[in-house]
Amino acid sequence: MELRSLMTRASEAAVEVVRGLERDRLDGPTPCPELDVRALVNHLILWTGFRGYTAGLKQPPGGPADDHDFTAEPGWADAYATRSAEAARVWSGPEAWAGESGMIGKGLMPAPFIGGIVLGEWLLHGWDLAVATGQTLTVDEELAAALYGTIASKAEMARQYKVFGPEVPVRESAPPFEHALGLAGRDPYWKP
C-alpha cells in the first residue's frame, strides 16, 4: 500500500484529537514520560506542521525552535489544523516520496523513510494525546496496518536512538494498531 494515500487521514485523526483538547489538561501526563500534554502538543505541531511540511518539499527543516510554545498563541489548534493539512497535501503527492529529504538538518535519508516518520508522528503522538486527555484516536484498519509496517521497518533503529522505548508485549489476538503501539514502546492500555 502506498503511504501517500493515507497521509490526509492520518493528519485528520491527529487534528481531531488536538481540537478536542481542553486547556485545563495541558499540564497532564502522557504515555511519553518526559512530556506533559503541552510539550507533546508542541512537539506534534513542530514535527508534523512545520518540519514534516518542509521535509515533504525537500527544503531545510522549518519552524520555530524546539522549545516554542504553540499553545500560548491564540487559535493554536486551528492554526495546527491548517498546517497539518498542508503537510498532508504535500506528502500526498508522489514527488514528496522521491529522492532524499530530512527533518533535522543533519544529513538526508530516503524520502519514504521520512514520510513514514511523519505518518508515525501523527498516529503515535495522536494516540498519546488522545489517551492522555480521555479521547479516542480514529484509526481504521488500513491506517493501523500502514503504521505497523512503517514501525516494524524502523523499530530497532528507533530504539538504538532512544526514539522508542522497549517493545511492550501485547496479546497475539490484539488488533494491528495495538501491535504497532507495543512495537513503538507504548502500552496500549496506558491510563493517566
Protein backbone atom coordinates (compact mmCIF):
# COMPACT_ATOMS: atom_id res chain seq x y z
CA MET A 1 0.00 0.00 0.00
CA GLU A 2 1.21 3.50 -0.74
CA LEU A 3 1.54 5.59 2.39
CA ARG A 4 0.93 8.77 0.42
CA SER A 5 -2.74 7.82 0.01
CA LEU A 6 -3.09 7.69 3.82
CA MET A 7 -1.42 10.92 4.88
CA THR A 8 -4.56 13.06 4.87
CA ARG A 9 -6.43 10.55 7.05
CA ALA A 10 -3.51 10.36 9.49
CA SER A 11 -3.37 14.15 9.70
CA GLU A 12 -7.12 14.42 10.22
CA ALA A 13 -7.00 11.86 13.04
CA ALA A 14 -4.34 13.86 14.89
CA VAL A 15 -6.09 17.18 14.25
CA GLU A 16 -9.35 15.81 15.66
CA VAL A 17 -7.57 14.99 18.93
CA VAL A 18 -5.76 18.35 19.06
CA ARG A 19 -9.03 20.20 18.52
CA GLY A 20 -10.63 18.16 21.29
CA LEU A 21 -8.02 19.10 23.89
CA GLU A 22 -9.26 21.06 26.86
CA ARG A 23 -6.90 23.79 28.10
CA ASP A 24 -7.06 22.52 31.69
CA ARG A 25 -5.46 19.23 30.59
CA LEU A 26 -2.30 20.75 29.08
CA ASP A 27 -0.26 20.05 32.23
CA GLY A 28 -1.36 16.40 32.47
CA PRO A 29 0.83 13.32 32.00
CA THR A 30 1.18 11.40 28.73
CA PRO A 31 2.47 7.95 27.79
CA CYS A 32 5.73 9.76 26.91
CA PRO A 33 7.15 10.07 30.44
CA GLU A 34 9.34 13.06 29.63
CA LEU A 35 6.49 15.09 28.07
CA ASP A 36 3.32 16.53 29.54
CA VAL A 37 0.34 17.22 27.26
CA ARG A 38 1.51 20.75 26.41
CA ALA A 39 5.02 19.60 25.47
CA LEU A 40 3.60 16.75 23.40
CA VAL A 41 1.21 19.07 21.54
CA ASN A 42 4.09 21.43 20.82
CA HIS A 43 6.20 18.52 19.58
CA LEU A 44 3.40 17.29 17.29
CA ILE A 45 2.83 20.76 15.85
CA LEU A 46 6.54 21.32 15.21
CA TRP A 47 7.27 17.90 13.71
CA THR A 48 4.17 17.49 11.54
CA GLY A 49 3.03 21.05 10.91
CA PHE A 50 6.46 22.53 10.19
CA ARG A 51 9.29 20.03 9.79
CA GLY A 52 7.14 17.40 8.13
CA TYR A 53 5.92 20.02 5.68
CA THR A 54 9.38 21.29 4.74
CA ALA A 55 10.72 17.73 4.52
CA GLY A 56 7.99 16.88 2.01
CA LEU A 57 9.08 19.86 -0.08
CA LYS A 58 12.77 18.85 0.24
CA GLN A 59 13.53 22.14 1.99
CA PRO A 60 15.74 22.68 5.05
CA PRO A 61 13.92 21.98 8.34
CA GLY A 62 11.44 24.76 9.06
CA GLY A 63 9.61 26.16 12.02
CA PRO A 64 10.44 27.78 15.32
CA ALA A 65 12.82 26.45 17.96
CA ASP A 66 12.22 23.09 19.62
CA ASP A 67 11.04 24.75 22.84
CA HIS A 68 8.46 27.06 21.19
CA ASP A 69 5.07 27.03 22.98
CA PHE A 70 2.45 27.00 20.25
CA THR A 71 -0.30 26.56 22.87
CA ALA A 72 0.40 30.09 24.13
CA GLU A 73 -0.71 31.54 20.78
CA PRO A 74 -4.34 32.45 20.07
CA GLY A 75 -6.09 29.98 17.78
CA TRP A 76 -3.25 27.46 18.01
CA ALA A 77 -5.45 24.40 17.39
CA ASP A 78 -6.98 25.87 14.22
CA ALA A 79 -3.54 27.02 13.04
CA TYR A 80 -2.28 23.47 13.55
CA ALA A 81 -5.22 22.05 11.59
CA THR A 82 -4.24 24.25 8.64
CA ARG A 83 -0.52 23.41 8.89
CA SER A 84 -1.16 19.70 9.30
CA ALA A 85 -3.48 19.66 6.27
CA GLU A 86 -0.79 21.39 4.22
CA ALA A 87 1.80 18.83 5.29
CA ALA A 88 -0.61 16.03 4.38
CA ARG A 89 -1.25 17.63 1.00
CA VAL A 90 2.49 17.79 0.28
CA TRP A 91 3.03 14.17 1.38
CA SER A 92 0.06 13.02 -0.72
CA GLY A 93 1.97 13.88 -3.90
CA PRO A 94 4.44 11.43 -5.46
CA GLU A 95 7.26 13.99 -5.55
CA ALA A 96 7.49 14.04 -1.74
CA TRP A 97 8.36 10.32 -1.77
CA ALA A 98 11.13 10.58 -4.38
CA GLY A 99 14.79 11.06 -3.60
CA GLU A 100 16.02 12.11 -0.18
CA SER A 101 14.92 14.53 2.50
CA GLY A 102 15.49 15.35 6.16
CA MET A 103 13.76 16.74 9.21
CA ILE A 104 16.63 17.79 11.47
CA GLY A 105 19.28 19.34 9.25
CA LYS A 106 21.83 16.56 9.88
CA GLY A 107 22.07 14.59 6.68
CA LEU A 108 19.46 13.20 4.38
CA MET A 109 17.57 9.92 4.33
CA PRO A 110 15.37 8.26 1.73
CA ALA A 111 12.15 10.24 1.41
CA PRO A 112 9.95 7.17 2.06
CA PHE A 113 11.69 6.72 5.42
CA ILE A 114 10.95 10.36 6.31
CA GLY A 115 7.35 10.01 5.12
CA GLY A 116 6.96 7.03 7.44
CA ILE A 117 8.25 9.15 10.31
CA VAL A 118 5.63 11.83 9.57
CA LEU A 119 2.86 9.19 9.47
CA GLY A 120 4.12 7.82 12.79
CA GLU A 121 4.23 11.27 14.36
CA TRP A 122 0.57 11.87 13.51
CA LEU A 123 -0.67 8.48 14.64
CA LEU A 124 1.59 7.63 17.58
CA HIS A 125 1.57 11.08 19.14
CA GLY A 126 -2.08 11.49 18.20
CA TRP A 127 -2.76 8.35 20.24
CA ASP A 128 -0.53 9.59 23.08
CA LEU A 129 -2.54 12.80 23.27
CA ALA A 130 -5.87 11.01 22.93
CA VAL A 131 -5.32 8.61 25.83
CA ALA A 132 -3.77 11.35 27.96
CA THR A 133 -6.86 13.53 27.56
CA GLY A 134 -9.70 11.00 27.57
CA GLN A 135 -10.22 10.93 23.81
CA THR A 136 -10.07 8.30 21.09
CA LEU A 137 -7.84 8.46 18.02
CA THR A 138 -9.72 7.40 14.88
CA VAL A 139 -7.54 4.79 13.15
CA ASP A 140 -9.07 2.44 10.59
CA GLU A 141 -7.60 -0.95 9.67
CA GLU A 142 -5.69 0.41 6.67
CA LEU A 143 -4.03 3.15 8.75
CA ALA A 144 -3.22 0.64 11.50
CA ALA A 145 -1.62 -1.77 9.02
CA ALA A 146 0.40 1.03 7.43
CA LEU A 147 1.58 2.26 10.81
CA TYR A 148 2.59 -1.24 11.85
CA GLY A 149 4.55 -1.69 8.63
CA THR A 150 6.44 1.57 8.99
CA ILE A 151 7.12 0.99 12.71
CA ALA A 152 8.32 -2.58 12.09
CA SER A 153 10.80 -1.35 9.48
CA LYS A 154 12.48 1.09 11.85
CA ALA A 155 11.73 -0.06 15.42
CA GLU A 156 15.19 -1.43 16.23
CA MET A 157 16.95 1.67 14.90
CA ALA A 158 14.47 3.87 16.78
CA ARG A 159 15.28 2.02 20.00
CA GLN A 160 19.02 2.48 19.44
CA TYR A 161 18.46 6.24 19.14
CA LYS A 162 16.08 6.28 22.15
CA VAL A 163 13.14 7.39 19.98
CA PHE A 164 11.14 4.29 21.07
CA GLY A 165 11.23 2.60 24.42
CA PRO A 166 11.47 -1.16 24.83
CA GLU A 167 8.82 -3.15 22.99
CA VAL A 168 5.68 -3.66 25.06
CA PRO A 169 4.24 -7.16 24.62
CA VAL A 170 0.59 -7.29 23.55
CA ARG A 171 -1.71 -10.28 23.26
CA GLU A 172 -1.43 -12.07 19.94
CA SER A 173 -5.13 -11.52 19.18
CA ALA A 174 -4.83 -7.73 19.69
CA PRO A 175 -5.73 -5.53 16.71
CA PRO A 176 -2.89 -4.30 14.44
CA PHE A 177 -2.96 -0.80 15.95
CA GLU A 178 -2.22 -2.20 19.42
CA HIS A 179 0.63 -4.26 17.97
CA ALA A 180 2.02 -1.08 16.37
CA LEU A 181 1.79 0.74 19.71
CA GLY A 182 3.57 -2.08 21.53
CA LEU A 183 6.28 -2.24 18.88
CA ALA A 184 6.79 1.52 19.30
CA GLY A 185 7.31 1.06 23.06
CA ARG A 186 3.83 2.09 24.14
CA ASP A 187 1.45 0.27 26.44
CA PRO A 188 -1.86 0.16 24.53
CA TYR A 189 -3.70 0.09 27.88
CA TRP A 190 -1.93 3.12 29.40
CA LYS A 191 -4.06 5.38 31.59
CA PRO A 192 -3.13 8.77 33.07
